[in-house]
């Protein structure tokens, strides 16, 4: 009996597009902008995840690594209502697009022995954004009433590195 293989809609095309962009010599910031532009025009549907993957976990947000190679990785993150990250920064550039629900992001600036809130954004379905270190300290949360799903493209091989997080910040926010 043959085993059915789940084909992730839009993933192969996205991987090829990002692969081409990461081969072009550019700063991390410019690469993030180029990948964001590519993702903006070709954001895959939530069905890039299986029905079971789209359920998430009641205890914590869940990242599903969909692709990893030396120059980049693609991860889908499922956020149930109330789930959030710690305040953190990243090992590399990151681009993300919202596939379902909304992501609430608070951006911080490091000011010596404390953090200062530098901005807040709400990213809705279809919206794409990105950043590159330094200046990428943030917390992401789902304060909505439905499960949110976002697709992240990181400029790092998450098959070789256990996480996209470089540092966690446990400092007072003023």
N, C-alpha and C. Protein backbone atom coordinates (compact mmCIF):
# COMPACT_ATOMS: atom_id res chain seq x y z
N UNK A 1 0.84 -1.18 0.00
CA UNK A 1 0.00 0.00 0.00
C UNK A 1 0.89 1.25 0.00
N UNK A 2 0.61 2.19 -0.86
CA UNK A 2 1.42 3.41 -0.99
C UNK A 2 1.07 4.39 0.13
N UNK A 3 2.08 5.07 0.63
CA UNK A 3 1.90 6.10 1.65
C UNK A 3 1.65 7.43 0.97
N UNK A 4 0.66 8.16 1.45
CA UNK A 4 0.37 9.49 0.90
C UNK A 4 1.37 10.49 1.47
N UNK A 5 1.88 11.35 0.61
CA UNK A 5 2.79 12.40 1.03
C UNK A 5 2.05 13.72 0.98
N UNK A 6 2.12 14.46 2.07
CA UNK A 6 1.48 15.77 2.12
C UNK A 6 2.33 16.77 1.37
N UNK A 7 1.76 17.43 0.38
CA UNK A 7 2.45 18.47 -0.38
C UNK A 7 2.06 19.81 0.23
N UNK A 8 3.04 20.56 0.65
CA UNK A 8 2.79 21.86 1.28
C UNK A 8 2.59 22.92 0.20
N UNK A 9 1.36 23.41 0.02
CA UNK A 9 1.08 24.34 -1.06
C UNK A 9 1.89 25.63 -0.95
N UNK A 10 2.60 25.93 -2.02
CA UNK A 10 3.37 27.17 -2.08
C UNK A 10 4.78 27.08 -1.54
N UNK A 11 5.13 25.99 -0.85
CA UNK A 11 6.45 25.92 -0.21
C UNK A 11 7.58 25.79 -1.24
N UNK A 12 7.43 24.92 -2.22
CA UNK A 12 8.51 24.72 -3.20
C UNK A 12 8.82 26.03 -3.94
N UNK A 13 7.78 26.75 -4.32
CA UNK A 13 7.98 28.02 -5.03
C UNK A 13 8.65 29.05 -4.13
N UNK A 14 8.21 29.10 -2.87
CA UNK A 14 8.82 30.03 -1.92
C UNK A 14 10.30 29.72 -1.71
N UNK A 15 10.62 28.45 -1.53
CA UNK A 15 12.01 28.04 -1.31
C UNK A 15 12.87 28.45 -2.50
N UNK A 16 12.40 28.20 -3.71
CA UNK A 16 13.18 28.57 -4.90
C UNK A 16 13.39 30.07 -4.98
N UNK A 17 12.35 30.83 -4.69
CA UNK A 17 12.43 32.29 -4.74
C UNK A 17 13.45 32.81 -3.71
N UNK A 18 13.35 32.32 -2.47
CA UNK A 18 14.26 32.77 -1.41
C UNK A 18 15.68 32.31 -1.70
N UNK A 19 15.83 31.11 -2.20
CA UNK A 19 17.17 30.60 -2.55
C UNK A 19 17.85 31.53 -3.55
N UNK A 20 17.10 31.96 -4.55
CA UNK A 20 17.66 32.88 -5.54
C UNK A 20 18.05 34.21 -4.93
N UNK A 21 17.24 34.71 -4.01
CA UNK A 21 17.54 36.00 -3.37
C UNK A 21 18.73 35.91 -2.42
N UNK A 22 18.88 34.79 -1.74
CA UNK A 22 20.00 34.68 -0.79
C UNK A 22 21.34 34.42 -1.49
N UNK A 23 21.29 34.08 -2.77
CA UNK A 23 22.54 33.90 -3.53
C UNK A 23 23.12 35.23 -4.00
N UNK A 24 22.31 36.30 -3.96
CA UNK A 24 22.76 37.62 -4.39
C UNK A 24 23.50 38.28 -3.22
N UNK A 25 24.76 38.66 -3.40
CA UNK A 25 25.48 39.30 -2.30
C UNK A 25 24.81 40.62 -1.89
N UNK A 26 24.42 40.70 -0.61
CA UNK A 26 23.77 41.91 -0.09
C UNK A 26 23.88 41.89 1.42
N UNK A 27 23.67 43.03 2.03
CA UNK A 27 23.67 43.11 3.48
C UNK A 27 22.47 42.32 4.02
N UNK A 28 22.52 41.90 5.29
CA UNK A 28 21.37 41.20 5.87
C UNK A 28 20.08 42.02 5.76
N UNK A 29 20.19 43.31 5.97
CA UNK A 29 19.00 44.18 5.91
C UNK A 29 18.39 44.19 4.51
N UNK A 30 19.23 44.34 3.49
CA UNK A 30 18.73 44.35 2.12
C UNK A 30 18.18 42.99 1.71
N UNK A 31 18.82 41.92 2.19
CA UNK A 31 18.29 40.58 1.91
C UNK A 31 16.91 40.41 2.54
N UNK A 32 16.76 40.87 3.79
CA UNK A 32 15.45 40.78 4.45
C UNK A 32 14.39 41.55 3.66
N UNK A 33 14.73 42.74 3.18
CA UNK A 33 13.77 43.53 2.39
C UNK A 33 13.39 42.80 1.10
N UNK A 34 14.38 42.20 0.43
CA UNK A 34 14.11 41.49 -0.82
C UNK A 34 13.23 40.26 -0.58
N UNK A 35 13.52 39.52 0.49
CA UNK A 35 12.71 38.34 0.82
C UNK A 35 11.29 38.77 1.21
N UNK A 36 11.17 39.87 1.94
CA UNK A 36 9.84 40.38 2.31
C UNK A 36 9.04 40.73 1.06
N UNK A 37 9.66 41.38 0.10
CA UNK A 37 8.96 41.72 -1.15
C UNK A 37 8.50 40.46 -1.87
N UNK A 38 9.35 39.43 -1.89
CA UNK A 38 8.99 38.17 -2.56
C UNK A 38 7.85 37.48 -1.82
N UNK A 39 7.92 37.47 -0.51
CA UNK A 39 6.88 36.81 0.29
C UNK A 39 5.56 37.57 0.18
N UNK A 40 5.64 38.89 0.13
CA UNK A 40 4.44 39.72 0.04
C UNK A 40 3.59 39.34 -1.17
N UNK A 41 4.22 39.02 -2.26
CA UNK A 41 3.49 38.68 -3.47
C UNK A 41 3.09 37.22 -3.56
N UNK A 42 3.61 36.38 -2.68
CA UNK A 42 3.38 34.94 -2.79
C UNK A 42 3.22 34.27 -1.44
N UNK A 43 2.46 34.87 -0.56
CA UNK A 43 2.25 34.30 0.77
C UNK A 43 1.38 33.04 0.64
N UNK A 44 1.87 31.92 1.12
CA UNK A 44 1.07 30.69 0.98
C UNK A 44 -0.14 30.69 1.92
N UNK A 45 -1.07 29.78 1.70
CA UNK A 45 -2.26 29.71 2.56
C UNK A 45 -1.94 28.97 3.87
N UNK A 46 -2.82 29.08 4.87
CA UNK A 46 -2.62 28.34 6.13
C UNK A 46 -2.51 26.83 5.90
N UNK A 47 -3.05 26.36 4.78
CA UNK A 47 -3.01 24.93 4.47
C UNK A 47 -1.62 24.44 4.10
N UNK A 48 -0.62 25.34 4.20
CA UNK A 48 0.77 24.89 4.07
C UNK A 48 1.09 23.94 5.24
N UNK A 49 0.28 24.03 6.29
CA UNK A 49 0.36 23.11 7.43
C UNK A 49 -0.77 22.09 7.34
N UNK A 50 -0.53 20.93 7.90
CA UNK A 50 -1.60 19.93 7.97
C UNK A 50 -2.67 20.42 8.94
N UNK A 51 -3.82 19.81 8.88
CA UNK A 51 -4.90 20.17 9.81
C UNK A 51 -4.44 20.01 11.25
N UNK A 52 -3.73 18.94 11.53
CA UNK A 52 -3.22 18.70 12.89
C UNK A 52 -2.20 19.77 13.31
N UNK A 53 -1.29 20.15 12.41
CA UNK A 53 -0.30 21.18 12.72
C UNK A 53 -0.97 22.52 13.00
N UNK A 54 -2.06 22.82 12.29
CA UNK A 54 -2.76 24.10 12.46
C UNK A 54 -3.46 24.22 13.82
N UNK A 55 -3.63 23.12 14.53
CA UNK A 55 -4.28 23.16 15.84
C UNK A 55 -3.41 23.82 16.90
N UNK A 56 -2.09 23.70 16.77
CA UNK A 56 -1.19 24.25 17.78
C UNK A 56 -1.15 23.38 19.02
N UNK A 57 -0.62 23.95 20.10
CA UNK A 57 -0.45 23.26 21.37
C UNK A 57 -1.09 24.13 22.45
N UNK A 58 -1.87 23.56 23.35
CA UNK A 58 -2.53 24.39 24.37
C UNK A 58 -1.56 25.05 25.35
N UNK A 59 -0.33 24.53 25.46
CA UNK A 59 0.60 25.03 26.46
C UNK A 59 1.61 26.07 25.96
N UNK A 60 1.88 26.08 24.65
CA UNK A 60 2.91 26.99 24.14
C UNK A 60 2.75 27.16 22.63
N UNK A 61 3.28 28.25 22.10
CA UNK A 61 3.26 28.39 20.65
C UNK A 61 4.19 27.34 20.06
N UNK A 62 3.93 26.94 18.82
CA UNK A 62 4.68 25.85 18.21
C UNK A 62 5.23 26.30 16.87
N UNK A 63 6.52 26.03 16.65
CA UNK A 63 7.14 26.28 15.36
C UNK A 63 7.33 24.98 14.61
N UNK A 64 6.92 24.97 13.35
CA UNK A 64 7.09 23.80 12.48
C UNK A 64 8.12 24.17 11.41
N UNK A 65 9.31 23.59 11.48
CA UNK A 65 10.33 23.86 10.47
C UNK A 65 9.93 23.13 9.19
N UNK A 66 9.65 23.90 8.14
CA UNK A 66 9.19 23.33 6.88
C UNK A 66 10.34 23.13 5.90
N UNK A 67 11.41 23.90 6.07
CA UNK A 67 12.57 23.79 5.18
C UNK A 67 13.77 24.41 5.88
N UNK A 68 14.94 23.79 5.73
CA UNK A 68 16.18 24.36 6.27
C UNK A 68 17.33 24.00 5.34
N UNK A 69 18.14 25.00 5.04
CA UNK A 69 19.38 24.81 4.29
C UNK A 69 20.36 25.85 4.78
N UNK A 70 21.56 25.85 4.28
CA UNK A 70 22.62 26.67 4.87
C UNK A 70 22.31 28.16 4.90
N UNK A 71 21.61 28.70 3.90
CA UNK A 71 21.39 30.15 3.83
C UNK A 71 20.10 30.63 4.50
N UNK A 72 19.12 29.74 4.69
CA UNK A 72 17.84 30.18 5.26
C UNK A 72 17.01 28.99 5.71
N UNK A 73 15.97 29.30 6.48
CA UNK A 73 15.00 28.30 6.93
C UNK A 73 13.60 28.90 6.85
N UNK A 74 12.62 28.03 6.67
CA UNK A 74 11.21 28.44 6.64
C UNK A 74 10.50 27.73 7.78
N UNK A 75 9.86 28.51 8.64
CA UNK A 75 9.19 27.98 9.82
C UNK A 75 7.78 28.56 9.89
N UNK A 76 6.81 27.69 10.11
CA UNK A 76 5.43 28.15 10.35
C UNK A 76 5.19 28.10 11.86
N UNK A 77 4.66 29.18 12.41
CA UNK A 77 4.43 29.26 13.85
C UNK A 77 2.92 29.35 14.10
N UNK A 78 2.46 28.52 15.03
CA UNK A 78 1.04 28.48 15.40
C UNK A 78 0.91 29.02 16.81
N UNK A 79 0.08 30.05 16.95
CA UNK A 79 -0.11 30.76 18.22
C UNK A 79 -1.57 30.64 18.65
N UNK A 80 -1.82 29.94 19.71
CA UNK A 80 -3.17 29.94 20.26
C UNK A 80 -3.38 31.24 21.03
N UNK A 81 -4.64 31.62 21.28
CA UNK A 81 -4.89 32.85 22.03
C UNK A 81 -4.14 32.87 23.36
N UNK A 82 -3.50 34.02 23.64
CA UNK A 82 -2.77 34.20 24.89
C UNK A 82 -1.32 33.76 24.86
N UNK A 83 -0.89 33.09 23.81
CA UNK A 83 0.50 32.62 23.76
C UNK A 83 1.42 33.73 23.28
N UNK A 84 2.66 33.72 23.80
CA UNK A 84 3.61 34.77 23.47
C UNK A 84 5.03 34.28 23.63
N UNK A 85 5.94 35.01 23.01
CA UNK A 85 7.37 34.74 23.19
C UNK A 85 7.87 35.51 24.39
N UNK A 86 9.07 35.21 24.81
CA UNK A 86 9.79 36.06 25.74
C UNK A 86 10.36 37.22 24.92
N UNK A 87 10.85 38.24 25.57
CA UNK A 87 11.53 39.33 24.86
C UNK A 87 12.88 38.77 24.40
N UNK A 88 13.16 38.91 23.09
CA UNK A 88 14.34 38.28 22.53
C UNK A 88 14.82 39.03 21.28
N UNK A 89 16.01 38.65 20.82
CA UNK A 89 16.49 39.08 19.51
C UNK A 89 16.91 37.83 18.73
N UNK A 90 17.46 38.03 17.54
CA UNK A 90 17.69 36.91 16.63
C UNK A 90 19.14 36.77 16.17
N UNK A 91 19.46 35.55 15.72
CA UNK A 91 20.80 35.26 15.21
C UNK A 91 20.99 35.78 13.79
N UNK A 92 19.89 36.09 13.09
CA UNK A 92 19.97 36.50 11.69
C UNK A 92 18.73 37.30 11.31
N UNK A 93 18.70 37.76 10.06
CA UNK A 93 17.53 38.47 9.57
C UNK A 93 16.31 37.55 9.61
N UNK A 94 15.14 38.16 9.65
CA UNK A 94 13.89 37.41 9.67
C UNK A 94 12.83 38.17 8.90
N UNK A 95 12.03 37.44 8.17
CA UNK A 95 10.87 37.98 7.47
C UNK A 95 9.68 37.12 7.87
N UNK A 96 8.55 37.72 8.12
CA UNK A 96 7.37 36.93 8.48
C UNK A 96 6.13 37.49 7.81
N UNK A 97 5.19 36.59 7.56
CA UNK A 97 3.90 36.95 7.00
C UNK A 97 2.81 36.24 7.77
N UNK A 98 1.70 36.90 7.96
CA UNK A 98 0.60 36.34 8.74
C UNK A 98 -0.35 35.60 7.81
N UNK A 99 -0.59 34.34 8.12
CA UNK A 99 -1.46 33.49 7.30
C UNK A 99 -2.88 33.41 7.87
N UNK A 100 -2.99 33.53 9.19
CA UNK A 100 -4.30 33.47 9.85
C UNK A 100 -4.22 34.27 11.14
N UNK A 101 -5.30 34.96 11.49
CA UNK A 101 -5.35 35.71 12.75
C UNK A 101 -4.51 36.96 12.69
N UNK A 102 -3.93 37.32 13.82
CA UNK A 102 -3.09 38.52 13.90
C UNK A 102 -1.97 38.29 14.91
N UNK A 103 -0.82 38.87 14.64
CA UNK A 103 0.31 38.85 15.57
C UNK A 103 0.49 40.26 16.11
N UNK A 104 0.67 40.33 17.41
CA UNK A 104 0.90 41.61 18.09
C UNK A 104 2.36 41.64 18.49
N UNK A 105 3.07 42.66 18.04
CA UNK A 105 4.51 42.74 18.27
C UNK A 105 4.83 44.01 19.03
N UNK A 106 5.65 43.86 20.07
CA UNK A 106 6.19 45.01 20.79
C UNK A 106 7.69 45.03 20.54
N UNK A 107 8.19 46.17 20.11
CA UNK A 107 9.61 46.33 19.79
C UNK A 107 10.27 47.12 20.91
N UNK A 108 11.47 46.71 21.27
CA UNK A 108 12.19 47.35 22.38
C UNK A 108 13.56 47.83 21.93
N UNK A 109 14.08 48.78 22.70
CA UNK A 109 15.43 49.29 22.52
C UNK A 109 16.18 49.03 23.83
N UNK A 110 17.41 48.56 23.73
CA UNK A 110 18.24 48.33 24.91
C UNK A 110 18.86 49.65 25.33
N UNK A 111 18.59 50.06 26.58
CA UNK A 111 19.13 51.30 27.13
C UNK A 111 19.91 50.97 28.41
N UNK A 112 21.14 50.48 28.23
CA UNK A 112 21.98 50.15 29.37
C UNK A 112 21.43 48.98 30.16
N UNK A 113 20.88 49.26 31.35
CA UNK A 113 20.42 48.19 32.24
C UNK A 113 18.91 47.94 32.15
N UNK A 114 18.26 48.51 31.13
CA UNK A 114 16.81 48.31 30.98
C UNK A 114 16.42 48.39 29.50
N UNK A 115 15.18 48.01 29.24
CA UNK A 115 14.62 48.10 27.90
C UNK A 115 13.62 49.25 27.86
N UNK A 116 13.52 49.90 26.71
CA UNK A 116 12.53 50.93 26.49
C UNK A 116 11.66 50.49 25.32
N UNK A 117 10.34 50.59 25.51
CA UNK A 117 9.45 50.23 24.42
C UNK A 117 9.63 51.23 23.28
N UNK A 118 9.89 50.73 22.08
CA UNK A 118 10.14 51.58 20.92
C UNK A 118 8.98 51.59 19.93
N UNK A 119 8.05 50.67 20.08
CA UNK A 119 6.92 50.65 19.16
C UNK A 119 6.07 49.40 19.31
N UNK A 120 4.87 49.49 18.75
CA UNK A 120 3.95 48.34 18.74
C UNK A 120 3.33 48.25 17.36
N UNK A 121 3.14 47.03 16.91
CA UNK A 121 2.47 46.83 15.64
C UNK A 121 1.51 45.65 15.76
N UNK A 122 0.48 45.70 14.95
CA UNK A 122 -0.43 44.56 14.81
C UNK A 122 -0.32 44.14 13.35
N UNK A 123 0.05 42.89 13.15
CA UNK A 123 0.20 42.35 11.80
C UNK A 123 -0.98 41.43 11.51
N UNK A 124 -1.76 41.79 10.49
CA UNK A 124 -2.98 41.06 10.14
C UNK A 124 -2.71 40.10 8.98
N UNK A 125 -3.69 39.29 8.66
CA UNK A 125 -3.58 38.33 7.56
C UNK A 125 -3.12 39.04 6.29
N UNK A 126 -2.10 38.46 5.66
CA UNK A 126 -1.57 39.00 4.42
C UNK A 126 -0.46 40.00 4.59
N UNK A 127 -0.27 40.49 5.81
CA UNK A 127 0.80 41.48 6.02
C UNK A 127 2.14 40.78 6.21
N UNK A 128 3.17 41.40 5.67
CA UNK A 128 4.53 40.87 5.71
C UNK A 128 5.45 41.95 6.26
N UNK A 129 6.39 41.55 7.10
CA UNK A 129 7.36 42.48 7.64
C UNK A 129 8.67 41.74 7.86
N UNK A 130 9.69 42.47 8.19
CA UNK A 130 10.98 41.83 8.44
C UNK A 130 11.95 42.76 9.11
N UNK A 131 13.08 42.20 9.52
CA UNK A 131 14.10 42.97 10.21
C UNK A 131 15.43 42.24 10.14
N UNK A 132 16.47 42.94 10.53
CA UNK A 132 17.80 42.34 10.62
C UNK A 132 18.48 42.90 11.85
N UNK A 133 19.23 42.07 12.58
CA UNK A 133 19.97 42.58 13.73
C UNK A 133 21.00 43.60 13.28
N UNK A 134 21.40 44.53 14.11
CA UNK A 134 20.90 44.78 15.46
C UNK A 134 19.58 45.56 15.40
N UNK A 135 18.98 45.75 16.54
CA UNK A 135 17.74 46.51 16.61
C UNK A 135 16.52 45.64 16.42
N UNK A 136 16.64 44.36 16.72
CA UNK A 136 15.53 43.44 16.49
C UNK A 136 14.99 42.84 17.79
N UNK A 137 15.08 43.58 18.87
CA UNK A 137 14.57 43.09 20.15
C UNK A 137 13.06 43.24 20.15
N UNK A 138 12.36 42.13 20.39
CA UNK A 138 10.89 42.20 20.37
C UNK A 138 10.25 41.06 21.14
N UNK A 139 8.94 41.19 21.32
CA UNK A 139 8.09 40.13 21.86
C UNK A 139 6.90 40.03 20.92
N UNK A 140 6.51 38.79 20.61
CA UNK A 140 5.37 38.55 19.74
C UNK A 140 4.33 37.79 20.54
N UNK A 141 3.05 38.16 20.34
CA UNK A 141 1.98 37.49 21.08
C UNK A 141 0.71 37.44 20.26
N UNK A 142 -0.15 36.53 20.69
CA UNK A 142 -1.49 36.45 20.11
C UNK A 142 -2.46 36.85 21.21
N UNK A 143 -2.97 38.08 21.13
CA UNK A 143 -3.96 38.52 22.11
C UNK A 143 -5.36 38.48 21.52
N UNK A 144 -5.46 37.85 20.32
CA UNK A 144 -6.76 37.69 19.69
C UNK A 144 -7.53 36.53 20.28
N UNK A 145 -8.70 36.27 19.73
CA UNK A 145 -9.57 35.20 20.23
C UNK A 145 -9.49 33.93 19.40
N UNK A 146 -8.72 33.96 18.30
CA UNK A 146 -8.58 32.78 17.45
C UNK A 146 -7.10 32.43 17.31
N UNK A 147 -6.84 31.21 16.87
CA UNK A 147 -5.47 30.77 16.63
C UNK A 147 -4.88 31.56 15.46
N UNK A 148 -3.65 32.00 15.63
CA UNK A 148 -2.94 32.73 14.58
C UNK A 148 -1.85 31.82 14.01
N UNK A 149 -1.55 32.01 12.73
CA UNK A 149 -0.48 31.26 12.08
C UNK A 149 0.35 32.26 11.29
N UNK A 150 1.67 32.17 11.45
CA UNK A 150 2.56 33.04 10.68
C UNK A 150 3.66 32.20 10.07
N UNK A 151 4.16 32.68 8.94
CA UNK A 151 5.26 32.01 8.24
C UNK A 151 6.49 32.88 8.38
N UNK A 152 7.59 32.29 8.87
CA UNK A 152 8.83 33.01 9.11
C UNK A 152 9.93 32.46 8.21
N UNK A 153 10.69 33.35 7.61
CA UNK A 153 11.88 32.96 6.86
C UNK A 153 13.06 33.58 7.59
N UNK A 154 13.94 32.73 8.10
CA UNK A 154 15.11 33.18 8.85
C UNK A 154 16.36 33.01 8.00
N UNK A 155 17.28 33.95 8.11
CA UNK A 155 18.55 33.87 7.40
C UNK A 155 19.55 33.01 8.13
N UNK A 156 19.13 31.84 8.57
CA UNK A 156 19.99 30.90 9.31
C UNK A 156 19.51 29.48 9.05
N UNK A 157 20.41 28.55 9.17
CA UNK A 157 20.07 27.13 9.00
C UNK A 157 19.57 26.60 10.33
N UNK A 158 18.25 26.52 10.49
CA UNK A 158 17.68 26.04 11.75
C UNK A 158 17.71 24.52 11.84
N UNK A 159 18.24 23.87 10.83
CA UNK A 159 18.53 22.45 10.93
C UNK A 159 19.84 22.23 11.68
N UNK A 160 20.73 23.23 11.63
CA UNK A 160 22.03 23.15 12.30
C UNK A 160 22.07 23.94 13.60
N UNK A 161 21.18 24.93 13.73
CA UNK A 161 21.10 25.78 14.92
C UNK A 161 19.76 25.49 15.59
N UNK A 162 19.75 25.27 16.89
CA UNK A 162 18.50 24.85 17.53
C UNK A 162 17.40 25.91 17.57
N UNK A 163 17.75 27.18 17.40
CA UNK A 163 16.76 28.23 17.53
C UNK A 163 17.18 29.47 16.76
N UNK A 164 16.21 30.28 16.40
CA UNK A 164 16.51 31.56 15.76
C UNK A 164 16.82 32.64 16.79
N UNK A 165 16.60 32.32 18.07
CA UNK A 165 16.80 33.30 19.15
C UNK A 165 18.27 33.38 19.50
N UNK A 166 18.79 34.61 19.52
CA UNK A 166 20.18 34.82 19.94
C UNK A 166 20.25 35.04 21.44
N UNK A 167 19.44 35.99 21.94
CA UNK A 167 19.43 36.31 23.37
C UNK A 167 18.01 36.50 23.86
N UNK A 168 17.80 36.17 25.13
CA UNK A 168 16.55 36.47 25.82
C UNK A 168 16.85 37.61 26.78
N UNK A 169 15.96 38.59 26.86
CA UNK A 169 16.16 39.76 27.68
C UNK A 169 15.25 39.70 28.90
N UNK A 170 15.86 39.59 30.08
CA UNK A 170 15.12 39.58 31.33
C UNK A 170 15.48 40.86 32.08
N UNK A 171 15.15 41.98 31.48
CA UNK A 171 15.48 43.30 32.03
C UNK A 171 14.19 44.07 32.27
N UNK A 172 14.22 45.03 33.21
CA UNK A 172 13.02 45.85 33.40
C UNK A 172 12.73 46.68 32.14
N UNK A 173 11.45 46.90 31.89
CA UNK A 173 11.03 47.76 30.79
C UNK A 173 10.58 49.08 31.39
N UNK A 174 11.19 50.16 30.93
CA UNK A 174 10.83 51.50 31.44
C UNK A 174 10.32 52.38 30.33
